C-alpha atoms as a PDB file:
ATOM      1  CA  MET A   1      55.634 127.344  40.409  1.00  0.00           C
ATOM      2  CA  ILE A   2      53.939 124.772  42.624  1.00  0.00           C
ATOM      3  CA  ARG A   3      56.315 122.197  41.261  1.00  0.00           C
ATOM      4  CA  LYS A   4      59.287 124.380  42.200  1.00  0.00           C
ATOM      5  CA  ILE A   5      57.915 124.856  45.742  1.00  0.00           C
ATOM      6  CA  LYS A   6      57.438 121.108  46.155  1.00  0.00           C
ATOM      7  CA  GLN A   7      60.987 120.506  44.931  1.00  0.00           C
ATOM      8  CA  LEU A   8      62.442 123.090  47.342  1.00  0.00           C
ATOM      9  CA  LYS A   9      60.378 121.636  50.175  1.00  0.00           C
ATOM     10  CA  ALA A  10      61.663 118.113  49.404  1.00  0.00           C
ATOM     11  CA  GLU A  11      65.264 119.341  49.267  1.00  0.00           C
ATOM     12  CA  TYR A  12      64.834 121.167  52.559  1.00  0.00           C
ATOM     13  CA  THR A  13      63.285 118.073  54.211  1.00  0.00           C
ATOM     14  CA  TYR A  14      66.142 115.910  52.919  1.00  0.00           C
ATOM     15  CA  SER A  15      68.691 118.404  54.234  1.00  0.00           C
ATOM     16  CA  VAL A  16      67.061 118.500  57.679  1.00  0.00           C
ATOM     17  CA  LEU A  17      66.865 114.700  57.859  1.00  0.00           C
ATOM     18  CA  LYS A  18      70.483 114.390  56.770  1.00  0.00           C
ATOM     19  CA  SER A  19      71.601 116.856  59.451  1.00  0.00           C
ATOM     20  CA  ALA A  20      69.529 115.081  62.091  1.00  0.00           C
ATOM     21  CA  THR A  21      71.020 111.726  61.123  1.00  0.00           C
ATOM     22  CA  VAL A  22      74.554 113.085  61.325  1.00  0.00           C
ATOM     23  CA  ALA A  23      73.824 114.663  64.715  1.00  0.00           C
ATOM     24  CA  ALA A  24      72.290 111.446  66.059  1.00  0.00           C
ATOM     25  CA  THR A  25      75.229 109.366  64.846  1.00  0.00           C
ATOM     26  CA  ALA A  26      77.707 111.792  66.407  1.00  0.00           C
ATOM     27  CA  SER A  27      75.794 111.696  69.706  1.00  0.00           C
ATOM     28  CA  ILE A  28      75.803 107.895  69.766  1.00  0.00           C
ATOM     29  CA  LEU A  29      79.535 107.785  69.062  1.00  0.00           C
ATOM     30  CA  PHE A  30      80.216 110.405  71.724  1.00  0.00           C
ATOM     31  CA  VAL A  31      78.257 108.500  74.361  1.00  0.00           C
ATOM     32  CA  ALA A  32      79.908 105.201  73.396  1.00  0.00           C
ATOM     33  CA  CYS A  33      83.388 106.670  73.634  1.00  0.00           C
ATOM     34  CA  ALA A  34      82.712 108.515  76.863  1.00  0.00           C
ATOM     35  CA  SER A  35      81.389 105.520  78.773  1.00  0.00           C
ATOM     36  CA  ASN A  36      83.634 103.759  81.290  1.00  0.00           C
ATOM     37  CA  PRO A  37      84.878 100.249  80.650  1.00  0.00           C
ATOM     38  CA  LYS A  38      83.258  97.312  82.380  1.00  0.00           C
ATOM     39  CA  PRO A  39      84.102  96.519  85.996  1.00  0.00           C
ATOM     40  CA  PRO A  40      87.358  94.544  86.299  1.00  0.00           C
ATOM     41  CA  THR A  41      85.691  91.537  87.895  1.00  0.00           C
ATOM     42  CA  GLN A  42      88.285  89.114  86.533  1.00  0.00           C
ATOM     43  CA  GLN A  43      91.197  91.077  88.008  1.00  0.00           C
ATOM     44  CA  ILE A  44      89.417  91.503  91.343  1.00  0.00           C
ATOM     45  CA  THR A  45      88.615  87.793  91.487  1.00  0.00           C
ATOM     46  CA  ALA A  46      92.251  86.951  90.710  1.00  0.00           C
ATOM     47  CA  ALA A  47      93.426  89.289  93.477  1.00  0.00           C
ATOM     48  CA  GLU A  48      90.947  87.773  95.961  1.00  0.00           C
ATOM     49  CA  SER A  49      92.149  84.298  95.019  1.00  0.00           C
ATOM     50  CA  ALA A  50      95.823  85.240  95.421  1.00  0.00           C
ATOM     51  CA  ILE A  51      95.152  86.816  98.835  1.00  0.00           C
ATOM     52  CA  SER A  52      93.161  83.766  99.935  1.00  0.00           C
ATOM     53  CA  HIS A  53      95.985  81.474  98.792  1.00  0.00           C
ATOM     54  CA  ALA A  54      98.502  83.583 100.694  1.00  0.00           C
ATOM     55  CA  GLU A  55      96.377  83.484 103.846  1.00  0.00           C
ATOM     56  CA  GLN A  56      96.051  79.698 103.642  1.00  0.00           C
ATOM     57  CA  ALA A  57      99.830  79.421 103.300  1.00  0.00           C
ATOM     58  CA  ARG A  58     100.190  81.379 106.574  1.00  0.00           C
ATOM     59  CA  VAL A  59     101.998  84.174 104.795  1.00  0.00           C
ATOM     60  CA  ALA A  60     101.181  86.615 107.595  1.00  0.00           C
ATOM     61  CA  ASP A  61     103.770  84.823 109.719  1.00  0.00           C
ATOM     62  CA  TYR A  62     106.527  85.637 107.213  1.00  0.00           C
ATOM     63  CA  ALA A  63     105.472  88.472 104.874  1.00  0.00           C
ATOM     64  CA  SER A  64     102.837  90.464 106.701  1.00  0.00           C
ATOM     65  CA  PRO A  65     103.564  93.909 105.147  1.00  0.00           C
ATOM     66  CA  GLU A  66     103.123  92.633 101.600  1.00  0.00           C
ATOM     67  CA  LEU A  67      99.907  90.811 102.494  1.00  0.00           C
ATOM     68  CA  SER A  68      98.552  93.919 104.235  1.00  0.00           C
ATOM     69  CA  GLU A  69      99.358  96.002 101.184  1.00  0.00           C
ATOM     70  CA  ALA A  70      97.588  93.474  98.955  1.00  0.00           C
ATOM     71  CA  ARG A  71      94.470  93.753 101.105  1.00  0.00           C
ATOM     72  CA  GLU A  72      94.631  97.562 100.976  1.00  0.00           C
ATOM     73  CA  LYS A  73      94.969  97.547  97.182  1.00  0.00           C
ATOM     74  CA  LEU A  74      92.013  95.176  96.878  1.00  0.00           C
ATOM     75  CA  ALA A  75      89.921  97.483  99.055  1.00  0.00           C
ATOM     76  CA  ALA A  76      90.990 100.425  96.878  1.00  0.00           C
ATOM     77  CA  ALA A  77      89.967  98.472  93.774  1.00  0.00           C
ATOM     78  CA  ARG A  78      86.512  97.813  95.201  1.00  0.00           C
ATOM     79  CA  GLU A  79      86.188 101.474  96.194  1.00  0.00           C
ATOM     80  CA  SER A  80      87.157 102.550  92.675  1.00  0.00           C
ATOM     81  CA  VAL A  81      84.486 100.283  91.210  1.00  0.00           C
ATOM     82  CA  ALA A  82      81.935 101.914  93.511  1.00  0.00           C
ATOM     83  CA  LYS A  83      83.076 105.325  92.217  1.00  0.00           C
ATOM     84  CA  ASP A  84      82.777 104.056  88.622  1.00  0.00           C
ATOM     85  CA  GLU A  85      86.540 104.437  88.057  1.00  0.00           C
ATOM     86  CA  MET A  86      87.065 101.141  86.260  1.00  0.00           C
ATOM     87  CA  THR A  87      90.546 101.795  84.869  1.00  0.00           C
ATOM     88  CA  ARG A  88      91.832 102.711  88.324  1.00  0.00           C
ATOM     89  CA  ALA A  89      90.017  99.710  89.822  1.00  0.00           C
ATOM     90  CA  ALA A  90      91.713  97.359  87.348  1.00  0.00           C
ATOM     91  CA  ARG A  91      95.103  98.841  88.213  1.00  0.00           C
ATOM     92  CA  TYR A  92      94.528  98.443  91.963  1.00  0.00           C
ATOM     93  CA  ALA A  93      93.290  94.871  91.519  1.00  0.00           C
ATOM     94  CA  GLU A  94      96.382  93.964  89.504  1.00  0.00           C
ATOM     95  CA  GLN A  95      98.632  95.527  92.160  1.00  0.00           C
ATOM     96  CA  ALA A  96      96.778  93.606  94.879  1.00  0.00           C
ATOM     97  CA  LYS A  97      97.373  90.316  93.056  1.00  0.00           C
ATOM     98  CA  LEU A  98     101.059  91.093  92.549  1.00  0.00           C
ATOM     99  CA  ASN A  99     101.493  92.023  96.218  1.00  0.00           C
ATOM    100  CA  ALA A 100      99.755  88.819  97.331  1.00  0.00           C
ATOM    101  CA  ASP A 101     101.951  86.772  94.984  1.00  0.00           C
ATOM    102  CA  LEU A 102     105.040  88.549  96.329  1.00  0.00           C
ATOM    103  CA  ALA A 103     103.950  87.835  99.909  1.00  0.00           C
ATOM    104  CA  ALA A 104     103.447  84.165  99.081  1.00  0.00           C
ATOM    105  CA  ALA A 105     106.876  83.949  97.411  1.00  0.00           C
ATOM    106  CA  LYS A 106     108.597  85.658 100.345  1.00  0.00           C
ATOM    107  CA  ALA A 107     106.832  83.353 102.776  1.00  0.00           C
ATOM    108  CA  GLU A 108     107.889  80.258 100.807  1.00  0.00           C
ATOM    109  CA  ALA A 109     111.475  81.527 100.754  1.00  0.00           C
ATOM    110  CA  ALA A 110     111.383  82.165 104.521  1.00  0.00           C
ATOM    111  CA  LYS A 111     109.955  78.687 105.149  1.00  0.00           C
ATOM    112  CA  ALA A 112     112.633  77.105 102.967  1.00  0.00           C
ATOM    113  CA  LYS A 113     115.337  79.067 104.793  1.00  0.00           C
ATOM    114  CA  ALA A 114     113.956  77.930 108.159  1.00  0.00           C
ATOM    115  CA  VAL A 115     114.041  74.291 107.019  1.00  0.00           C
ATOM    116  CA  ASN A 116     117.536  74.752 105.630  1.00  0.00           C
ATOM    117  CA  ASP A 117     118.732  76.320 108.902  1.00  0.00           C
ATOM    118  CA  GLU A 118     117.202  73.462 110.898  1.00  0.00           C
ATOM    119  CA  LEU A 119     118.897  70.878 108.674  1.00  0.00           C
ATOM    120  CA  ALA A 120     122.208  72.714 109.025  1.00  0.00           C
ATOM    121  CA  LYS A 121     121.869  72.614 112.830  1.00  0.00           C
ATOM    122  CA  GLY A 122     121.104  68.911 112.683  1.00  0.00           C
ATOM    123  CA  THR A 123     124.094  68.248 110.462  1.00  0.00           C
ATOM    124  CA  THR A 124     126.349  70.238 112.780  1.00  0.00           C
ATOM    125  CA  ALA A 125     125.087  68.276 115.784  1.00  0.00           C
ATOM    126  CA  VAL A 126     125.757  64.962 114.029  1.00  0.00           C
ATOM    127  CA  LYS A 127     129.286  66.070 113.077  1.00  0.00           C
ATOM    128  CA  GLU A 128     130.007  67.138 116.656  1.00  0.00           C
ATOM    129  CA  GLU A 129     128.735  63.814 117.966  1.00  0.00           C
ATOM    130  CA  LEU A 130     130.953  61.921 115.528  1.00  0.00           C
ATOM    131  CA  GLN A 131     133.981  63.931 116.646  1.00  0.00           C
ATOM    132  CA  ARG A 132     133.300  63.144 120.322  1.00  0.00           C
ATOM    133  CA  THR A 133     133.254  59.410 119.693  1.00  0.00           C
ATOM    134  CA  PRO A 134     136.320  58.825 117.506  1.00  0.00           C
ATOM    135  CA  GLY A 135     136.322  55.033 117.616  1.00  0.00           C
ATOM    136  CA  VAL A 136     132.737  54.519 116.440  1.00  0.00           C
ATOM    137  CA  GLN A 137     131.821  54.931 112.816  1.00  0.00           C
END
């Protein structure tokens, strides 16, 4: 009888330990899955770099709305990090980088157009001068 009690006690202890182990494992998995991803420092750094590059290229003279939007998205990314919303922060940081890149591209296109227009004016002036002096070539 004592032997039977010891056996039942051992089985009960094993069952309790097994249940506790399963519960602990489930808790660990739940916490791991529920945690937010890491802060998107790489995306934020890339956005900061793109905005800085755009500012150095004097983009504000040509594509101010896009540069302003890039700054706003970067601020939203930082705010999302502060609120522990890492997925949203990564999205805002990526949008900020894309807006800064767009601003830089638009500014480069505007600069190229300005140079092209200036060259066209110069060419027109030279042609007009040549037409005024027909004997000289």
